N, C-alpha and C. Protein backbone atom coordinates (compact mmCIF):
# COMPACT_ATOMS: atom_id res chain seq x y z
N MET A 1 0.84 -1.18 0.00
CA MET A 1 0.00 0.00 0.00
C MET A 1 0.89 1.24 0.00
N GLU A 2 0.61 2.16 -0.91
CA GLU A 2 1.41 3.37 -1.04
C GLU A 2 0.94 4.42 -0.03
N LYS A 3 1.91 5.13 0.57
CA LYS A 3 1.58 6.17 1.53
C LYS A 3 1.02 7.38 0.81
N THR A 4 0.02 8.01 1.41
CA THR A 4 -0.56 9.22 0.85
C THR A 4 0.10 10.42 1.51
N LEU A 5 0.65 11.30 0.70
CA LEU A 5 1.35 12.48 1.20
C LEU A 5 0.47 13.71 1.04
N ASP A 6 0.71 14.73 1.89
CA ASP A 6 -0.02 15.98 1.74
C ASP A 6 0.66 16.84 0.67
N LYS A 7 0.18 18.08 0.50
CA LYS A 7 0.70 18.95 -0.56
C LYS A 7 2.17 19.30 -0.38
N LYS A 8 2.68 19.20 0.84
CA LYS A 8 4.07 19.53 1.11
C LYS A 8 4.94 18.28 1.21
N GLY A 9 4.41 17.13 0.80
CA GLY A 9 5.19 15.90 0.79
C GLY A 9 5.30 15.22 2.14
N ARG A 10 4.47 15.60 3.09
CA ARG A 10 4.52 14.98 4.42
C ARG A 10 3.53 13.84 4.48
N TRP A 11 3.90 12.80 5.18
CA TRP A 11 3.00 11.67 5.37
C TRP A 11 2.19 11.92 6.63
N ARG A 12 0.89 11.85 6.52
CA ARG A 12 0.01 12.07 7.65
C ARG A 12 -0.41 10.72 8.21
N GLY A 13 0.37 10.23 9.16
CA GLY A 13 0.12 8.91 9.71
C GLY A 13 -0.52 8.90 11.08
N LEU A 14 -0.78 10.07 11.66
CA LEU A 14 -1.38 10.14 12.99
C LEU A 14 -2.88 10.38 12.89
N THR A 15 -3.60 9.82 13.84
CA THR A 15 -5.04 10.02 13.91
C THR A 15 -5.36 10.84 15.14
N VAL A 16 -6.18 11.87 14.96
CA VAL A 16 -6.66 12.70 16.07
C VAL A 16 -8.18 12.58 16.08
N ALA A 17 -8.74 12.24 17.23
CA ALA A 17 -10.19 12.06 17.32
C ALA A 17 -10.72 12.71 18.58
N PHE A 18 -11.98 13.10 18.54
CA PHE A 18 -12.64 13.68 19.70
C PHE A 18 -14.14 13.50 19.55
N ARG A 19 -14.85 13.70 20.64
CA ARG A 19 -16.31 13.51 20.65
C ARG A 19 -17.01 14.86 20.52
N MET A 20 -18.19 14.83 19.86
CA MET A 20 -19.00 16.03 19.67
C MET A 20 -20.46 15.68 19.90
N SER A 21 -21.23 16.71 20.22
CA SER A 21 -22.68 16.52 20.29
C SER A 21 -23.22 16.51 18.87
N PRO A 22 -24.42 16.00 18.66
CA PRO A 22 -25.01 16.03 17.31
C PRO A 22 -25.13 17.46 16.76
N GLU A 23 -25.44 18.42 17.63
CA GLU A 23 -25.56 19.81 17.19
C GLU A 23 -24.21 20.37 16.76
N GLU A 24 -23.16 20.07 17.53
CA GLU A 24 -21.82 20.52 17.16
C GLU A 24 -21.38 19.88 15.85
N ASN A 25 -21.71 18.61 15.67
CA ASN A 25 -21.36 17.91 14.43
C ASN A 25 -22.05 18.54 13.23
N GLU A 26 -23.33 18.88 13.39
CA GLU A 26 -24.07 19.53 12.30
C GLU A 26 -23.45 20.88 11.96
N ASP A 27 -23.09 21.65 13.00
CA ASP A 27 -22.45 22.95 12.78
C ASP A 27 -21.11 22.79 12.07
N LEU A 28 -20.32 21.83 12.52
CA LEU A 28 -19.03 21.57 11.88
C LEU A 28 -19.21 21.18 10.42
N ASN A 29 -20.14 20.27 10.15
CA ASN A 29 -20.37 19.84 8.77
C ASN A 29 -20.81 20.99 7.88
N THR A 30 -21.62 21.90 8.40
CA THR A 30 -22.03 23.08 7.63
C THR A 30 -20.82 23.94 7.30
N ARG A 31 -19.98 24.18 8.29
CA ARG A 31 -18.78 25.01 8.07
C ARG A 31 -17.83 24.36 7.06
N VAL A 32 -17.67 23.05 7.16
CA VAL A 32 -16.79 22.34 6.23
C VAL A 32 -17.34 22.43 4.81
N ARG A 33 -18.64 22.17 4.65
CA ARG A 33 -19.26 22.24 3.32
C ARG A 33 -19.07 23.62 2.70
N LEU A 34 -19.33 24.66 3.49
CA LEU A 34 -19.25 26.02 2.96
C LEU A 34 -17.82 26.46 2.69
N SER A 35 -16.85 25.83 3.34
CA SER A 35 -15.45 26.21 3.11
C SER A 35 -14.92 25.67 1.79
N GLY A 36 -15.50 24.56 1.31
CA GLY A 36 -14.99 23.94 0.10
C GLY A 36 -13.78 23.05 0.35
N LEU A 37 -13.37 22.92 1.60
CA LEU A 37 -12.23 22.08 1.96
C LEU A 37 -12.71 20.70 2.39
N THR A 38 -11.76 19.78 2.49
CA THR A 38 -12.10 18.50 3.10
C THR A 38 -12.22 18.73 4.60
N LYS A 39 -12.91 17.83 5.28
CA LYS A 39 -13.05 17.98 6.73
C LYS A 39 -11.68 17.94 7.39
N GLN A 40 -10.81 17.07 6.91
CA GLN A 40 -9.46 16.97 7.47
C GLN A 40 -8.72 18.29 7.34
N ASP A 41 -8.71 18.87 6.14
CA ASP A 41 -7.99 20.13 5.94
C ASP A 41 -8.61 21.26 6.75
N TYR A 42 -9.94 21.29 6.82
CA TYR A 42 -10.61 22.33 7.60
C TYR A 42 -10.21 22.22 9.07
N LEU A 43 -10.28 21.01 9.64
CA LEU A 43 -9.95 20.83 11.05
C LEU A 43 -8.49 21.14 11.35
N ILE A 44 -7.60 20.73 10.47
CA ILE A 44 -6.17 21.04 10.68
C ILE A 44 -5.96 22.55 10.68
N ASN A 45 -6.54 23.25 9.70
CA ASN A 45 -6.38 24.71 9.64
C ASN A 45 -6.92 25.38 10.90
N ARG A 46 -8.10 24.96 11.34
CA ARG A 46 -8.70 25.60 12.52
C ARG A 46 -7.93 25.23 13.79
N ALA A 47 -7.48 24.00 13.90
CA ALA A 47 -6.76 23.58 15.11
C ALA A 47 -5.42 24.30 15.23
N LEU A 48 -4.83 24.62 14.11
CA LEU A 48 -3.54 25.31 14.11
C LEU A 48 -3.70 26.82 13.99
N CYS A 49 -4.93 27.32 14.21
CA CYS A 49 -5.24 28.75 14.20
C CYS A 49 -4.88 29.42 12.88
N ARG A 50 -5.04 28.70 11.80
CA ARG A 50 -4.84 29.26 10.47
C ARG A 50 -6.18 29.73 9.93
N ASP A 51 -6.14 30.77 9.10
CA ASP A 51 -7.37 31.22 8.45
C ASP A 51 -7.84 30.18 7.46
N VAL A 52 -9.14 30.03 7.37
CA VAL A 52 -9.74 29.17 6.35
C VAL A 52 -10.16 30.07 5.22
N VAL A 53 -9.50 29.94 4.08
CA VAL A 53 -9.79 30.78 2.92
C VAL A 53 -10.72 30.02 2.00
N VAL A 54 -11.88 30.60 1.74
CA VAL A 54 -12.86 29.97 0.86
C VAL A 54 -12.60 30.46 -0.55
N MET A 55 -12.31 29.53 -1.44
CA MET A 55 -12.07 29.86 -2.84
C MET A 55 -13.37 29.67 -3.60
N GLY A 56 -13.78 30.74 -4.29
CA GLY A 56 -15.02 30.66 -5.05
C GLY A 56 -14.88 29.71 -6.23
N ASN A 57 -15.74 28.73 -6.28
CA ASN A 57 -15.80 27.81 -7.41
C ASN A 57 -17.26 27.37 -7.54
N PRO A 58 -17.61 26.70 -8.62
CA PRO A 58 -19.02 26.31 -8.80
C PRO A 58 -19.59 25.50 -7.63
N ARG A 59 -18.78 24.64 -7.05
CA ARG A 59 -19.26 23.82 -5.93
C ARG A 59 -19.61 24.69 -4.72
N VAL A 60 -18.73 25.63 -4.38
CA VAL A 60 -18.98 26.52 -3.24
C VAL A 60 -20.20 27.40 -3.51
N HIS A 61 -20.31 27.91 -4.73
CA HIS A 61 -21.47 28.74 -5.07
C HIS A 61 -22.77 27.95 -4.95
N LYS A 62 -22.76 26.69 -5.38
CA LYS A 62 -23.96 25.86 -5.26
C LYS A 62 -24.29 25.61 -3.80
N LEU A 63 -23.28 25.33 -2.98
CA LEU A 63 -23.52 25.11 -1.56
C LEU A 63 -24.06 26.37 -0.89
N LEU A 64 -23.52 27.53 -1.26
CA LEU A 64 -24.03 28.78 -0.71
C LEU A 64 -25.47 29.01 -1.13
N ARG A 65 -25.77 28.73 -2.39
CA ARG A 65 -27.14 28.90 -2.88
C ARG A 65 -28.10 28.00 -2.09
N ASN A 66 -27.71 26.76 -1.88
CA ASN A 66 -28.55 25.83 -1.13
C ASN A 66 -28.72 26.27 0.32
N GLN A 67 -27.62 26.75 0.91
CA GLN A 67 -27.69 27.22 2.29
C GLN A 67 -28.59 28.45 2.39
N MET A 68 -28.53 29.33 1.38
CA MET A 68 -29.39 30.51 1.37
C MET A 68 -30.86 30.10 1.25
N ALA A 69 -31.15 29.05 0.51
CA ALA A 69 -32.53 28.56 0.41
C ALA A 69 -33.00 28.07 1.78
N ASP A 70 -32.13 27.38 2.51
CA ASP A 70 -32.48 26.93 3.86
C ASP A 70 -32.71 28.12 4.79
N ILE A 71 -31.87 29.14 4.64
CA ILE A 71 -32.01 30.35 5.46
C ILE A 71 -33.34 31.03 5.16
N LEU A 72 -33.70 31.10 3.89
CA LEU A 72 -34.98 31.71 3.51
C LEU A 72 -36.14 30.97 4.16
N GLU A 73 -36.11 29.65 4.15
CA GLU A 73 -37.17 28.87 4.79
C GLU A 73 -37.24 29.16 6.29
N GLU A 74 -36.09 29.25 6.91
CA GLU A 74 -36.06 29.55 8.35
C GLU A 74 -36.58 30.96 8.62
N LEU A 75 -36.24 31.92 7.76
CA LEU A 75 -36.75 33.29 7.93
C LEU A 75 -38.26 33.34 7.77
N LYS A 76 -38.79 32.55 6.85
CA LYS A 76 -40.25 32.49 6.69
C LYS A 76 -40.91 31.93 7.95
N ARG A 77 -40.26 30.94 8.54
CA ARG A 77 -40.78 30.37 9.78
C ARG A 77 -40.73 31.40 10.90
N LEU A 78 -39.63 32.15 10.96
CA LEU A 78 -39.48 33.18 11.99
C LEU A 78 -40.50 34.30 11.82
N GLU A 79 -40.86 34.57 10.58
CA GLU A 79 -41.83 35.62 10.29
C GLU A 79 -43.18 35.30 10.93
N ARG A 80 -43.45 34.03 11.12
CA ARG A 80 -44.71 33.60 11.72
C ARG A 80 -44.69 33.69 13.24
N GLY A 81 -43.64 34.26 13.80
CA GLY A 81 -43.62 34.52 15.24
C GLY A 81 -42.70 33.66 16.07
N SER A 82 -41.90 32.82 15.46
CA SER A 82 -40.97 31.98 16.22
C SER A 82 -39.70 32.77 16.53
N ASP A 83 -38.92 32.27 17.46
CA ASP A 83 -37.64 32.88 17.79
C ASP A 83 -36.52 32.18 17.03
N ALA A 84 -35.50 32.95 16.68
CA ALA A 84 -34.34 32.40 15.96
C ALA A 84 -33.44 31.67 16.95
N SER A 85 -32.99 30.49 16.56
CA SER A 85 -32.05 29.74 17.40
C SER A 85 -30.65 30.32 17.23
N GLU A 86 -29.82 30.09 18.22
CA GLU A 86 -28.44 30.56 18.15
C GLU A 86 -27.70 29.89 16.99
N GLU A 87 -28.01 28.60 16.73
CA GLU A 87 -27.37 27.89 15.62
C GLU A 87 -27.73 28.53 14.28
N PHE A 88 -29.00 28.92 14.12
CA PHE A 88 -29.42 29.58 12.88
C PHE A 88 -28.69 30.91 12.71
N LEU A 89 -28.62 31.70 13.78
CA LEU A 89 -27.96 33.00 13.69
C LEU A 89 -26.48 32.84 13.36
N GLU A 90 -25.84 31.82 13.92
CA GLU A 90 -24.42 31.58 13.63
C GLU A 90 -24.24 31.17 12.17
N THR A 91 -25.12 30.32 11.66
CA THR A 91 -25.05 29.92 10.24
C THR A 91 -25.26 31.13 9.35
N LEU A 92 -26.19 31.99 9.71
CA LEU A 92 -26.44 33.21 8.94
C LEU A 92 -25.21 34.11 8.92
N ARG A 93 -24.56 34.27 10.07
CA ARG A 93 -23.33 35.08 10.14
C ARG A 93 -22.23 34.46 9.27
N LEU A 94 -22.09 33.14 9.33
CA LEU A 94 -21.06 32.46 8.55
C LEU A 94 -21.29 32.62 7.05
N VAL A 95 -22.52 32.41 6.60
CA VAL A 95 -22.83 32.54 5.17
C VAL A 95 -22.60 33.98 4.71
N THR A 96 -23.00 34.94 5.53
CA THR A 96 -22.80 36.35 5.19
C THR A 96 -21.32 36.67 5.08
N GLU A 97 -20.53 36.18 6.00
CA GLU A 97 -19.08 36.41 5.98
C GLU A 97 -18.45 35.80 4.72
N ILE A 98 -18.83 34.59 4.39
CA ILE A 98 -18.29 33.93 3.19
C ILE A 98 -18.72 34.68 1.95
N TRP A 99 -19.99 35.04 1.87
CA TRP A 99 -20.51 35.74 0.69
C TRP A 99 -19.78 37.07 0.49
N ASN A 100 -19.60 37.83 1.58
CA ASN A 100 -18.88 39.10 1.49
C ASN A 100 -17.43 38.89 1.08
N GLY A 101 -16.81 37.83 1.58
CA GLY A 101 -15.43 37.52 1.20
C GLY A 101 -15.30 37.16 -0.26
N LEU A 102 -16.29 36.45 -0.80
CA LEU A 102 -16.25 36.09 -2.22
C LEU A 102 -16.42 37.33 -3.09
N LYS A 103 -17.25 38.27 -2.66
CA LYS A 103 -17.46 39.49 -3.43
C LYS A 103 -16.19 40.34 -3.46
N GLU A 104 -15.44 40.36 -2.34
CA GLU A 104 -14.21 41.15 -2.26
C GLU A 104 -13.07 40.51 -3.03
N GLY A 105 -13.04 39.17 -3.03
CA GLY A 105 -11.94 38.43 -3.66
C GLY A 105 -12.11 38.35 -5.09
């Protein structure tokens, strides 16, 4: 079996694992999807306090469009008198930040 190397020619042979709640897992998966990175690359960048740079490509634009559709549905629900959850507000902030970054870049 051939070893898989990263972009800098390093072999990643260590495993790092931790436990999360279902809500934290959902939040993480949303952030990973919107970043356009693999979950491994996203977690490594965040764990090492590196910025996660979202590169605009058709896949990221499609994910943003789908996330915006979900946000619209949630806003319609909120319009009927419900309160916004903290998770929804955080997702809204994240999508807004990514969208603004894509417009600037």
